[in-house]
Amino acid sequence: MLLSWLDKSLSSEEGFEQVKGYLASPLVKLVAWGLVSALLYHLVAGVRHLIMDMGIGETLEGGTKGSKIVIGVSVALILLSGVWIW
């Protein structure tokens, strides 16, 4: 759906205005925020796993601290993305 909106917005000025109207909808903003939130959490958790592959935080205590850091950073990024989207 996003690719079709991109195509429509690039095709003409009227198409751009239509897509702009779609993106102003609260439901579309909520869905976009949900998708961005999932991607941000996945990104932060992936970085944690890359760090663990280097041998950092492989113990039980390190894993617990790492998971708390992932949740904290993810919440901060998700809130910032919510401010940006809304």
PDB file of N, CA and C in Angstrom:
ATOM      1  N   MET A   1       0.825  -1.176   0.000  1.00  0.00           N
ATOM      2  CA  MET A   1       0.000   0.000   0.000  1.00  0.00           C
ATOM      3  C   MET A   1       0.881   1.255   0.000  1.00  0.00           C
ATOM      4  N   LEU A   2       1.957   1.212   0.773  1.00  0.00           N
ATOM      5  CA  LEU A   2       2.837   2.369   0.829  1.00  0.00           C
ATOM      6  C   LEU A   2       3.499   2.650  -0.513  1.00  0.00           C
ATOM      7  N   LEU A   3       3.869   1.594  -1.228  1.00  0.00           N
ATOM      8  CA  LEU A   3       4.477   1.790  -2.542  1.00  0.00           C
ATOM      9  C   LEU A   3       3.480   2.374  -3.540  1.00  0.00           C
ATOM     10  N   SER A   4       2.236   1.961  -3.470  1.00  0.00           N
ATOM     11  CA  SER A   4       1.234   2.529  -4.382  1.00  0.00           C
ATOM     12  C   SER A   4       0.986   3.997  -4.049  1.00  0.00           C
ATOM     13  N   TRP A   5       1.009   4.347  -2.753  1.00  0.00           N
ATOM     14  CA  TRP A   5       0.862   5.755  -2.369  1.00  0.00           C
ATOM     15  C   TRP A   5       2.051   6.576  -2.848  1.00  0.00           C
ATOM     16  N   LEU A   6       3.241   6.004  -2.766  1.00  0.00           N
ATOM     17  CA  LEU A   6       4.420   6.704  -3.260  1.00  0.00           C
ATOM     18  C   LEU A   6       4.304   6.947  -4.764  1.00  0.00           C
ATOM     19  N   ASP A   7       3.878   5.922  -5.498  1.00  0.00           N
ATOM     20  CA  ASP A   7       3.702   6.068  -6.937  1.00  0.00           C
ATOM     21  C   ASP A   7       2.661   7.138  -7.266  1.00  0.00           C
ATOM     22  N   LYS A   8       1.556   7.111  -6.530  1.00  0.00           N
ATOM     23  CA  LYS A   8       0.488   8.081  -6.777  1.00  0.00           C
ATOM     24  C   LYS A   8       0.948   9.503  -6.446  1.00  0.00           C
ATOM     25  N   SER A   9       1.693   9.651  -5.372  1.00  0.00           N
ATOM     26  CA  SER A   9       2.135  10.992  -4.976  1.00  0.00           C
ATOM     27  C   SER A   9       3.162  11.565  -5.950  1.00  0.00           C
ATOM     28  N   LEU A  10       3.902  10.698  -6.610  1.00  0.00           N
ATOM     29  CA  LEU A  10       4.906  11.162  -7.571  1.00  0.00           C
ATOM     30  C   LEU A  10       4.346  11.346  -8.973  1.00  0.00           C
ATOM     31  N   SER A  11       3.138  10.841  -9.222  1.00  0.00           N
ATOM     32  CA  SER A  11       2.583  10.904 -10.571  1.00  0.00           C
ATOM     33  C   SER A  11       2.047  12.289 -10.929  1.00  0.00           C
ATOM     34  N   SER A  12       1.424  12.975  -9.967  1.00  0.00           N
ATOM     35  CA  SER A  12       0.854  14.292 -10.268  1.00  0.00           C
ATOM     36  C   SER A  12       0.656  15.079  -8.973  1.00  0.00           C
ATOM     37  N   GLU A  13       0.336  16.344  -9.150  1.00  0.00           N
ATOM     38  CA  GLU A  13       0.071  17.188  -7.988  1.00  0.00           C
ATOM     39  C   GLU A  13      -1.208  16.762  -7.273  1.00  0.00           C
ATOM     40  N   GLU A  14      -2.204  16.367  -8.041  1.00  0.00           N
ATOM     41  CA  GLU A  14      -3.470  15.923  -7.449  1.00  0.00           C
ATOM     42  C   GLU A  14      -3.267  14.627  -6.653  1.00  0.00           C
ATOM     43  N   GLY A  15      -2.461  13.736  -7.204  1.00  0.00           N
ATOM     44  CA  GLY A  15      -2.154  12.493  -6.495  1.00  0.00           C
ATOM     45  C   GLY A  15      -1.425  12.757  -5.196  1.00  0.00           C
ATOM     46  N   PHE A  16      -0.518  13.731  -5.235  1.00  0.00           N
ATOM     47  CA  PHE A  16       0.205  14.095  -4.013  1.00  0.00           C
ATOM     48  C   PHE A  16      -0.754  14.608  -2.951  1.00  0.00           C
ATOM     49  N   GLU A  17      -1.700  15.445  -3.343  1.00  0.00           N
ATOM     50  CA  GLU A  17      -2.671  15.986  -2.386  1.00  0.00           C
ATOM     51  C   GLU A  17      -3.575  14.887  -1.829  1.00  0.00           C
ATOM     52  N   GLN A  18      -3.933  13.914  -2.671  1.00  0.00           N
ATOM     53  CA  GLN A  18      -4.753  12.799  -2.188  1.00  0.00           C
ATOM     54  C   GLN A  18      -3.999  11.984  -1.145  1.00  0.00           C
ATOM     55  N   VAL A  19      -2.751  11.675  -1.419  1.00  0.00           N
ATOM     56  CA  VAL A  19      -1.948  10.886  -0.477  1.00  0.00           C
ATOM     57  C   VAL A  19      -1.741  11.674   0.812  1.00  0.00           C
ATOM     58  N   LYS A  20      -1.549  12.969   0.680  1.00  0.00           N
ATOM     59  CA  LYS A  20      -1.401  13.817   1.868  1.00  0.00           C
ATOM     60  C   LYS A  20      -2.662  13.750   2.730  1.00  0.00           C
ATOM     61  N   GLY A  21      -3.816  13.696   2.086  1.00  0.00           N
ATOM     62  CA  GLY A  21      -5.077  13.556   2.810  1.00  0.00           C
ATOM     63  C   GLY A  21      -5.189  12.214   3.512  1.00  0.00           C
ATOM     64  N   TYR A  22      -4.732  11.137   2.832  1.00  0.00           N
ATOM     65  CA  TYR A  22      -4.750   9.812   3.468  1.00  0.00           C
ATOM     66  C   TYR A  22      -3.890   9.799   4.725  1.00  0.00           C
ATOM     67  N   LEU A  23      -2.719  10.383   4.606  1.00  0.00           N
ATOM     68  CA  LEU A  23      -1.764  10.339   5.712  1.00  0.00           C
ATOM     69  C   LEU A  23      -2.163  11.236   6.880  1.00  0.00           C
ATOM     70  N   ALA A  24      -3.141  12.097   6.688  1.00  0.00           N
ATOM     71  CA  ALA A  24      -3.614  12.944   7.779  1.00  0.00           C
ATOM     72  C   ALA A  24      -4.619  12.206   8.667  1.00  0.00           C
ATOM     73  N   SER A  25      -5.077  11.052   8.236  1.00  0.00           N
ATOM     74  CA  SER A  25      -6.060  10.274   8.994  1.00  0.00           C
ATOM     75  C   SER A  25      -5.433   9.713  10.267  1.00  0.00           C
ATOM     76  N   PRO A  26      -6.147   9.803  11.400  1.00  0.00           N
ATOM     77  CA  PRO A  26      -5.612   9.248  12.653  1.00  0.00           C
ATOM     78  C   PRO A  26      -5.379   7.737  12.598  1.00  0.00           C
ATOM     79  N   LEU A  27      -6.228   7.017  11.864  1.00  0.00           N
ATOM     80  CA  LEU A  27      -6.054   5.572  11.765  1.00  0.00           C
ATOM     81  C   LEU A  27      -4.766   5.231  11.023  1.00  0.00           C
ATOM     82  N   VAL A  28      -4.486   5.938   9.941  1.00  0.00           N
ATOM     83  CA  VAL A  28      -3.264   5.694   9.180  1.00  0.00           C
ATOM     84  C   VAL A  28      -2.042   6.046  10.032  1.00  0.00           C
ATOM     85  N   LYS A  29      -2.133   7.132  10.791  1.00  0.00           N
ATOM     86  CA  LYS A  29      -1.023   7.511  11.671  1.00  0.00           C
ATOM     87  C   LYS A  29      -0.785   6.444  12.734  1.00  0.00           C
ATOM     88  N   LEU A  30      -1.864   5.883  13.278  1.00  0.00           N
ATOM     89  CA  LEU A  30      -1.734   4.839  14.295  1.00  0.00           C
ATOM     90  C   LEU A  30      -1.079   3.587  13.720  1.00  0.00           C
ATOM     91  N   VAL A  31      -1.500   3.197  12.528  1.00  0.00           N
ATOM     92  CA  VAL A  31      -0.909   2.025  11.878  1.00  0.00           C
ATOM     93  C   VAL A  31       0.567   2.281  11.572  1.00  0.00           C
ATOM     94  N   ALA A  32       0.883   3.473  11.077  1.00  0.00           N
ATOM     95  CA  ALA A  32       2.282   3.805  10.777  1.00  0.00           C
ATOM     96  C   ALA A  32       3.115   3.783  12.046  1.00  0.00           C
ATOM     97  N   TRP A  33       2.572   4.311  13.129  1.00  0.00           N
ATOM     98  CA  TRP A  33       3.294   4.311  14.402  1.00  0.00           C
ATOM     99  C   TRP A  33       3.524   2.888  14.899  1.00  0.00           C
ATOM    100  N   GLY A  34       2.533   2.028  14.728  1.00  0.00           N
ATOM    101  CA  GLY A  34       2.693   0.630  15.118  1.00  0.00           C
ATOM    102  C   GLY A  34       3.786  -0.067  14.323  1.00  0.00           C
ATOM    103  N   LEU A  35       3.811   0.170  13.019  1.00  0.00           N
ATOM    104  CA  LEU A  35       4.844  -0.444  12.179  1.00  0.00           C
ATOM    105  C   LEU A  35       6.233   0.085  12.527  1.00  0.00           C
ATOM    106  N   VAL A  36       6.339   1.385  12.713  1.00  0.00           N
ATOM    107  CA  VAL A  36       7.625   1.985  13.076  1.00  0.00           C
ATOM    108  C   VAL A  36       8.074   1.486  14.446  1.00  0.00           C
ATOM    109  N   SER A  37       7.134   1.322  15.363  1.00  0.00           N
ATOM    110  CA  SER A  37       7.473   0.826  16.700  1.00  0.00           C
ATOM    111  C   SER A  37       8.051  -0.586  16.634  1.00  0.00           C
ATOM    112  N   ALA A  38       7.423  -1.442  15.860  1.00  0.00           N
ATOM    113  CA  ALA A  38       7.916  -2.813  15.714  1.00  0.00           C
ATOM    114  C   ALA A  38       9.308  -2.830  15.088  1.00  0.00           C
ATOM    115  N   LEU A  39       9.505  -2.002  14.071  1.00  0.00           N
ATOM    116  CA  LEU A  39      10.814  -1.942  13.419  1.00  0.00           C
ATOM    117  C   LEU A  39      11.895  -1.403  14.355  1.00  0.00           C
ATOM    118  N   LEU A  40      11.563  -0.404  15.155  1.00  0.00           N
ATOM    119  CA  LEU A  40      12.554   0.155  16.080  1.00  0.00           C
ATOM    120  C   LEU A  40      12.946  -0.859  17.150  1.00  0.00           C
ATOM    121  N   TYR A  41      11.953  -1.568  17.707  1.00  0.00           N
ATOM    122  CA  TYR A  41      12.277  -2.580  18.705  1.00  0.00           C
ATOM    123  C   TYR A  41      13.154  -3.669  18.092  1.00  0.00           C
ATOM    124  N   HIS A  42      12.798  -4.095  16.896  1.00  0.00           N
ATOM    125  CA  HIS A  42      13.562  -5.131  16.207  1.00  0.00           C
ATOM    126  C   HIS A  42      15.000  -4.665  15.951  1.00  0.00           C
ATOM    127  N   LEU A  43      15.168  -3.411  15.579  1.00  0.00           N
ATOM    128  CA  LEU A  43      16.494  -2.850  15.326  1.00  0.00           C
ATOM    129  C   LEU A  43      17.333  -2.837  16.597  1.00  0.00           C
ATOM    130  N   VAL A  44      16.757  -2.350  17.696  1.00  0.00           N
ATOM    131  CA  VAL A  44      17.511  -2.259  18.952  1.00  0.00           C
ATOM    132  C   VAL A  44      17.858  -3.654  19.466  1.00  0.00           C
ATOM    133  N   ALA A  45      16.930  -4.593  19.385  1.00  0.00           N
ATOM    134  CA  ALA A  45      17.207  -5.958  19.828  1.00  0.00           C
ATOM    135  C   ALA A  45      18.266  -6.616  18.938  1.00  0.00           C
ATOM    136  N   GLY A  46      18.244  -6.302  17.658  1.00  0.00           N
ATOM    137  CA  GLY A  46      19.263  -6.837  16.755  1.00  0.00           C
ATOM    138  C   GLY A  46      20.652  -6.332  17.079  1.00  0.00           C
ATOM    139  N   VAL A  47      20.750  -5.051  17.435  1.00  0.00           N
ATOM    140  CA  VAL A  47      22.042  -4.488  17.851  1.00  0.00           C
ATOM    141  C   VAL A  47      22.519  -5.184  19.124  1.00  0.00           C
ATOM    142  N   ARG A  48      21.594  -5.462  20.040  1.00  0.00           N
ATOM    143  CA  ARG A  48      21.964  -6.194  21.266  1.00  0.00           C
ATOM    144  C   ARG A  48      22.543  -7.566  20.927  1.00  0.00           C
ATOM    145  N   HIS A  49      21.915  -8.261  19.993  1.00  0.00           N
ATOM    146  CA  HIS A  49      22.413  -9.578  19.622  1.00  0.00           C
ATOM    147  C   HIS A  49      23.781  -9.497  18.936  1.00  0.00           C
ATOM    148  N   LEU A  50      23.994  -8.462  18.155  1.00  0.00           N
ATOM    149  CA  LEU A  50      25.314  -8.279  17.546  1.00  0.00           C
ATOM    150  C   LEU A  50      26.378  -8.040  18.622  1.00  0.00           C
ATOM    151  N   ILE A  51      26.027  -7.270  19.634  1.00  0.00           N
ATOM    152  CA  ILE A  51      26.966  -7.028  20.743  1.00  0.00           C
ATOM    153  C   ILE A  51      27.223  -8.321  21.500  1.00  0.00           C
ATOM    154  N   MET A  52      26.180  -9.123  21.694  1.00  0.00           N
ATOM    155  CA  MET A  52      26.357 -10.402  22.382  1.00  0.00           C
ATOM    156  C   MET A  52      27.213 -11.354  21.547  1.00  0.00           C
ATOM    157  N   ASP A  53      27.141 -11.267  20.226  1.00  0.00           N
ATOM    158  CA  ASP A  53      27.990 -12.105  19.364  1.00  0.00           C
ATOM    159  C   ASP A  53      29.463 -11.759  19.524  1.00  0.00           C
ATOM    160  N   MET A  54      29.753 -10.536  19.988  1.00  0.00           N
ATOM    161  CA  MET A  54      31.138 -10.137  20.234  1.00  0.00           C
ATOM    162  C   MET A  54      31.616 -10.594  21.607  1.00  0.00           C
ATOM    163  N   GLY A  55      30.732 -11.244  22.369  1.00  0.00           N
ATOM    164  CA  GLY A  55      31.118 -11.782  23.666  1.00  0.00           C
ATOM    165  C   GLY A  55      30.788 -10.879  24.838  1.00  0.00           C
ATOM    166  N   ILE A  56      30.060  -9.801  24.601  1.00  0.00           N
ATOM    167  CA  ILE A  56      29.708  -8.860  25.670  1.00  0.00           C
ATOM    168  C   ILE A  56      28.291  -9.160  26.135  1.00  0.00           C
ATOM    169  N   GLY A  57      28.127  -9.337  27.441  1.00  0.00           N
ATOM    170  CA  GLY A  57      26.793  -9.541  27.996  1.00  0.00           C
ATOM    171  C   GLY A  57      26.226 -10.921  27.790  1.00  0.00           C
ATOM    172  N   GLU A  58      27.077 -11.937  27.746  1.00  0.00           N
ATOM    173  CA  GLU A  58      26.585 -13.296  27.534  1.00  0.00           C
ATOM    174  C   GLU A  58      26.182 -14.010  28.819  1.00  0.00           C
ATOM    175  N   THR A  59      26.511 -13.443  29.961  1.00  0.00           N
ATOM    176  CA  THR A  59      26.138 -14.072  31.228  1.00  0.00           C
ATOM    177  C   THR A  59      24.669 -13.795  31.519  1.00  0.00           C
ATOM    178  N   LEU A  60      24.144 -14.462  32.550  1.00  0.00           N
ATOM    179  CA  LEU A  60      22.750 -14.250  32.937  1.00  0.00           C
ATOM    180  C   LEU A  60      22.533 -12.812  33.384  1.00  0.00           C
ATOM    181  N   GLU A  61      23.465 -12.285  34.161  1.00  0.00           N
ATOM    182  CA  GLU A  61      23.336 -10.892  34.619  1.00  0.00           C
ATOM    183  C   GLU A  61      23.442  -9.920  33.448  1.00  0.00           C
ATOM    184  N   GLY A  62      24.373 -10.188  32.541  1.00  0.00           N
ATOM    185  CA  GLY A  62      24.526  -9.330  31.360  1.00  0.00           C
ATOM    186  C   GLY A  62      23.310  -9.370  30.461  1.00  0.00           C
ATOM    187  N   GLY A  63      22.728 -10.549  30.327  1.00  0.00           N
ATOM    188  CA  GLY A  63      21.520 -10.679  29.516  1.00  0.00           C
ATOM    189  C   GLY A  63      20.347  -9.924  30.108  1.00  0.00           C
ATOM    190  N   THR A  64      20.234  -9.981  31.440  1.00  0.00           N
ATOM    191  CA  THR A  64      19.162  -9.257  32.116  1.00  0.00           C
ATOM    192  C   THR A  64      19.340  -7.754  31.956  1.00  0.00           C
ATOM    193  N   LYS A  65      20.557  -7.282  32.162  1.00  0.00           N
ATOM    194  CA  LYS A  65      20.816  -5.849  31.992  1.00  0.00           C
ATOM    195  C   LYS A  65      20.605  -5.424  30.540  1.00  0.00           C
ATOM    196  N   GLY A  66      21.061  -6.252  29.617  1.00  0.00           N
ATOM    197  CA  GLY A  66      20.902  -5.943  28.201  1.00  0.00           C
ATOM    198  C   GLY A  66      19.444  -5.850  27.787  1.00  0.00           C
ATOM    199  N   SER A  67      18.620  -6.749  28.306  1.00  0.00           N
ATOM    200  CA  SER A  67      17.202  -6.710  27.944  1.00  0.00           C
ATOM    201  C   SER A  67      16.518  -5.471  28.509  1.00  0.00           C
ATOM    202  N   LYS A  68      16.920  -5.059  29.715  1.00  0.00           N
ATOM    203  CA  LYS A  68      16.357  -3.827  30.287  1.00  0.00           C
ATOM    204  C   LYS A  68      16.788  -2.608  29.480  1.00  0.00           C
ATOM    205  N   ILE A  69      18.030  -2.610  29.019  1.00  0.00           N
ATOM    206  CA  ILE A  69      18.514  -1.500  28.196  1.00  0.00           C
ATOM    207  C   ILE A  69      17.761  -1.462  26.870  1.00  0.00           C
ATOM    208  N   VAL A  70      17.541  -2.634  26.275  1.00  0.00           N
ATOM    209  CA  VAL A  70      16.804  -2.711  25.003  1.00  0.00           C
ATOM    210  C   VAL A  70      15.404  -2.144  25.173  1.00  0.00           C
ATOM    211  N   ILE A  71      14.733  -2.529  26.256  1.00  0.00           N
ATOM    212  CA  ILE A  71      13.367  -2.035  26.475  1.00  0.00           C
ATOM    213  C   ILE A  71      13.374  -0.527  26.689  1.00  0.00           C
ATOM    214  N   GLY A  72      14.316  -0.025  27.493  1.00  0.00           N
ATOM    215  CA  GLY A  72      14.381   1.413  27.751  1.00  0.00           C
ATOM    216  C   GLY A  72      14.663   2.229  26.502  1.00  0.00           C
ATOM    217  N   VAL A  73      15.644   1.793  25.726  1.00  0.00           N
ATOM    218  CA  VAL A  73      15.989   2.513  24.495  1.00  0.00           C
ATOM    219  C   VAL A  73      14.836   2.422  23.495  1.00  0.00           C
ATOM    220  N   SER A  74      14.222   1.266  23.415  1.00  0.00           N
ATOM    221  CA  SER A  74      13.103   1.103  22.484  1.00  0.00           C
ATOM    222  C   SER A  74      11.930   2.001  22.855  1.00  0.00           C
ATOM    223  N   VAL A  75      11.606   2.061  24.132  1.00  0.00           N
ATOM    224  CA  VAL A  75      10.500   2.931  24.572  1.00  0.00           C
ATOM    225  C   VAL A  75      10.807   4.386  24.238  1.00  0.00           C
ATOM    226  N   ALA A  76      12.042   4.816  24.495  1.00  0.00           N
ATOM    227  CA  ALA A  76      12.410   6.199  24.178  1.00  0.00           C
ATOM    228  C   ALA A  76      12.281   6.473  22.678  1.00  0.00           C
ATOM    229  N   LEU A  77      12.789   5.562  21.845  1.00  0.00           N
ATOM    230  CA  LEU A  77      12.707   5.755  20.397  1.00  0.00           C
ATOM    231  C   LEU A  77      11.267   5.688  19.887  1.00  0.00           C
ATOM    232  N   ILE A  78      10.466   4.812  20.476  1.00  0.00           N
ATOM    233  CA  ILE A  78       9.072   4.696  20.064  1.00  0.00           C
ATOM    234  C   ILE A  78       8.301   5.960  20.415  1.00  0.00           C
ATOM    235  N   LEU A  79       8.557   6.517  21.585  1.00  0.00           N
ATOM    236  CA  LEU A  79       7.909   7.770  21.962  1.00  0.00           C
ATOM    237  C   LEU A  79       8.338   8.914  21.051  1.00  0.00           C
ATOM    238  N   LEU A  80       9.614   8.965  20.727  1.00  0.00           N
ATOM    239  CA  LEU A  80      10.097  10.007  19.810  1.00  0.00           C
ATOM    240  C   LEU A  80       9.485   9.855  18.419  1.00  0.00           C
ATOM    241  N   SER A  81       9.358   8.630  17.957  1.00  0.00           N
ATOM    242  CA  SER A  81       8.727   8.426  16.652  1.00  0.00           C
ATOM    243  C   SER A  81       7.244   8.786  16.692  1.00  0.00           C
ATOM    244  N   GLY A  82       6.600   8.557  17.828  1.00  0.00           N
ATOM    245  CA  GLY A  82       5.197   8.976  17.977  1.00  0.00           C
ATOM    246  C   GLY A  82       5.041  10.472  17.896  1.00  0.00           C
ATOM    247  N   VAL A  83       5.972  11.200  18.508  1.00  0.00           N
ATOM    248  CA  VAL A  83       5.934  12.665  18.424  1.00  0.00           C
ATOM    249  C   VAL A  83       6.152  13.097  16.983  1.00  0.00           C
ATOM    250  N   TRP A  84       7.085  12.433  16.295  1.00  0.00           N
ATOM    251  CA  TRP A  84       7.382  12.784  14.903  1.00  0.00           C
ATOM    252  C   TRP A  84       6.191  12.500  13.987  1.00  0.00           C
ATOM    253  N   ILE A  85       5.527  11.354  14.189  1.00  0.00           N
ATOM    254  CA  ILE A  85       4.399  10.977  13.326  1.00  0.00           C
ATOM    255  C   ILE A  85       3.171  11.819  13.611  1.00  0.00           C
ATOM    256  N   TRP A  86       2.863  12.061  14.878  1.00  0.00           N
ATOM    257  CA  TRP A  86       1.648  12.796  15.221  1.00  0.00           C
ATOM    258  C   TRP A  86       1.909  14.273  15.122  1.00  0.00           C
TER     259      TRP A  86
END
